[in-house]
Amino acid sequence: MAVQISTALAIYFVIWWIALFLTLPFGVRSQHEDGIGAPGTDPGAPVLTGMKRKLIWTTIISAIIYGLGLAAYHAGYLSLERLSKMMGMPF
């Protein structure tokens, strides 16, 4: 069974979005931690977010997860019959 390109892109986008929220908190330093802060701003506001690096890591992580999922699908581990049997539901 072949996966259509629109389905593949939609699944990759969902994985990418989840991976983005997983990578966002790493490496963020707040104004309070650095001791730098403009008057009237929240001390918890980030100084540098490093979004370019996070977007690159998000793309790498999501490509690996998608590749593993696609390999498991083609190996037969993610078929509807197998998943319904694992959940105890008739197919």
Protein backbone atom coordinates (compact mmCIF):
# COMPACT_ATOMS: atom_id res chain seq x y z
CA MET A 1 0.00 0.00 0.00
CA ALA A 2 1.53 3.28 -1.10
CA VAL A 3 1.28 6.45 0.95
CA GLN A 4 0.03 9.48 -0.95
CA ILE A 5 2.26 12.55 -0.91
CA SER A 6 -0.41 14.72 0.76
CA THR A 7 -0.84 12.16 3.56
CA ALA A 8 2.92 11.87 4.01
CA LEU A 9 3.30 15.65 4.24
CA ALA A 10 0.43 15.96 6.70
CA ILE A 11 1.89 13.27 8.97
CA TYR A 12 5.36 14.84 8.74
CA PHE A 13 3.92 18.28 9.58
CA VAL A 14 2.17 16.94 12.70
CA ILE A 15 5.36 15.21 13.84
CA TRP A 16 7.37 18.37 13.09
CA TRP A 17 4.96 20.55 15.09
CA ILE A 18 5.10 18.25 18.12
CA ALA A 19 8.90 18.08 17.89
CA LEU A 20 9.03 21.89 17.76
CA PHE A 21 7.19 22.18 21.07
CA LEU A 22 9.54 19.58 22.54
CA THR A 23 12.65 21.53 21.50
CA LEU A 24 11.45 25.05 22.39
CA PRO A 25 12.41 25.02 26.11
CA PHE A 26 16.01 23.86 25.58
CA GLY A 27 18.73 26.50 25.82
CA VAL A 28 16.49 29.44 26.70
CA ARG A 29 17.92 31.83 29.27
CA SER A 30 15.65 34.34 30.94
CA GLN A 31 16.46 37.96 31.73
CA HIS A 32 16.45 37.07 35.42
CA GLU A 33 19.08 34.33 34.94
CA ASP A 34 21.38 36.60 32.92
CA GLY A 35 20.88 39.62 35.14
CA ILE A 36 19.97 41.70 32.11
CA GLY A 37 16.56 43.22 31.80
CA ALA A 38 14.95 46.29 30.39
CA PRO A 39 12.75 48.20 32.81
CA GLY A 40 9.11 47.22 32.57
CA THR A 41 9.70 43.80 31.02
CA ASP A 42 8.96 40.42 32.54
CA PRO A 43 12.03 38.91 34.23
CA GLY A 44 11.06 35.54 32.73
CA ALA A 45 11.26 36.85 29.16
CA PRO A 46 13.98 35.14 27.11
CA VAL A 47 17.18 36.94 26.22
CA LEU A 48 18.04 34.86 23.15
CA THR A 49 15.76 32.13 21.87
CA GLY A 50 18.04 30.56 19.24
CA MET A 51 15.12 29.78 16.95
CA LYS A 52 17.23 29.00 13.87
CA ARG A 53 19.09 26.24 15.71
CA LYS A 54 15.83 24.92 17.18
CA LEU A 55 14.14 24.81 13.78
CA ILE A 56 17.07 22.85 12.36
CA TRP A 57 17.00 20.38 15.27
CA THR A 58 13.22 20.08 14.98
CA THR A 59 13.54 19.19 11.30
CA ILE A 60 16.24 16.58 12.01
CA ILE A 61 14.34 14.99 14.91
CA SER A 62 11.04 14.87 13.02
CA ALA A 63 12.72 13.38 9.92
CA ILE A 64 14.18 10.59 12.05
CA ILE A 65 10.85 9.89 13.77
CA TYR A 66 9.00 9.97 10.43
CA GLY A 67 11.57 7.65 8.85
CA LEU A 68 11.24 5.16 11.71
CA GLY A 69 7.46 5.27 11.45
CA LEU A 70 7.54 4.81 7.69
CA ALA A 71 9.93 1.87 8.02
CA ALA A 72 7.66 0.30 10.65
CA TYR A 73 4.66 0.84 8.35
CA HIS A 74 6.36 -0.84 5.40
CA ALA A 75 7.57 -3.71 7.62
CA GLY A 76 3.96 -4.36 8.63
CA TYR A 77 4.18 -3.28 12.27
CA LEU A 78 1.71 -0.41 11.79
CA SER A 79 -1.00 -2.12 9.76
CA LEU A 80 -4.66 -1.61 10.68
CA GLU A 81 -5.16 -5.31 11.27
CA ARG A 82 -2.24 -5.55 13.69
CA LEU A 83 -3.13 -2.37 15.60
CA SER A 84 -6.80 -3.37 15.94
CA LYS A 85 -5.78 -6.81 17.20
CA MET A 86 -3.47 -5.22 19.81
CA MET A 87 -6.32 -3.04 21.04
CA GLY A 88 -8.74 -5.96 21.15
CA MET A 89 -11.04 -4.50 18.52
CA PRO A 90 -12.41 -6.59 15.65
CA PHE A 91 -11.33 -5.49 12.20
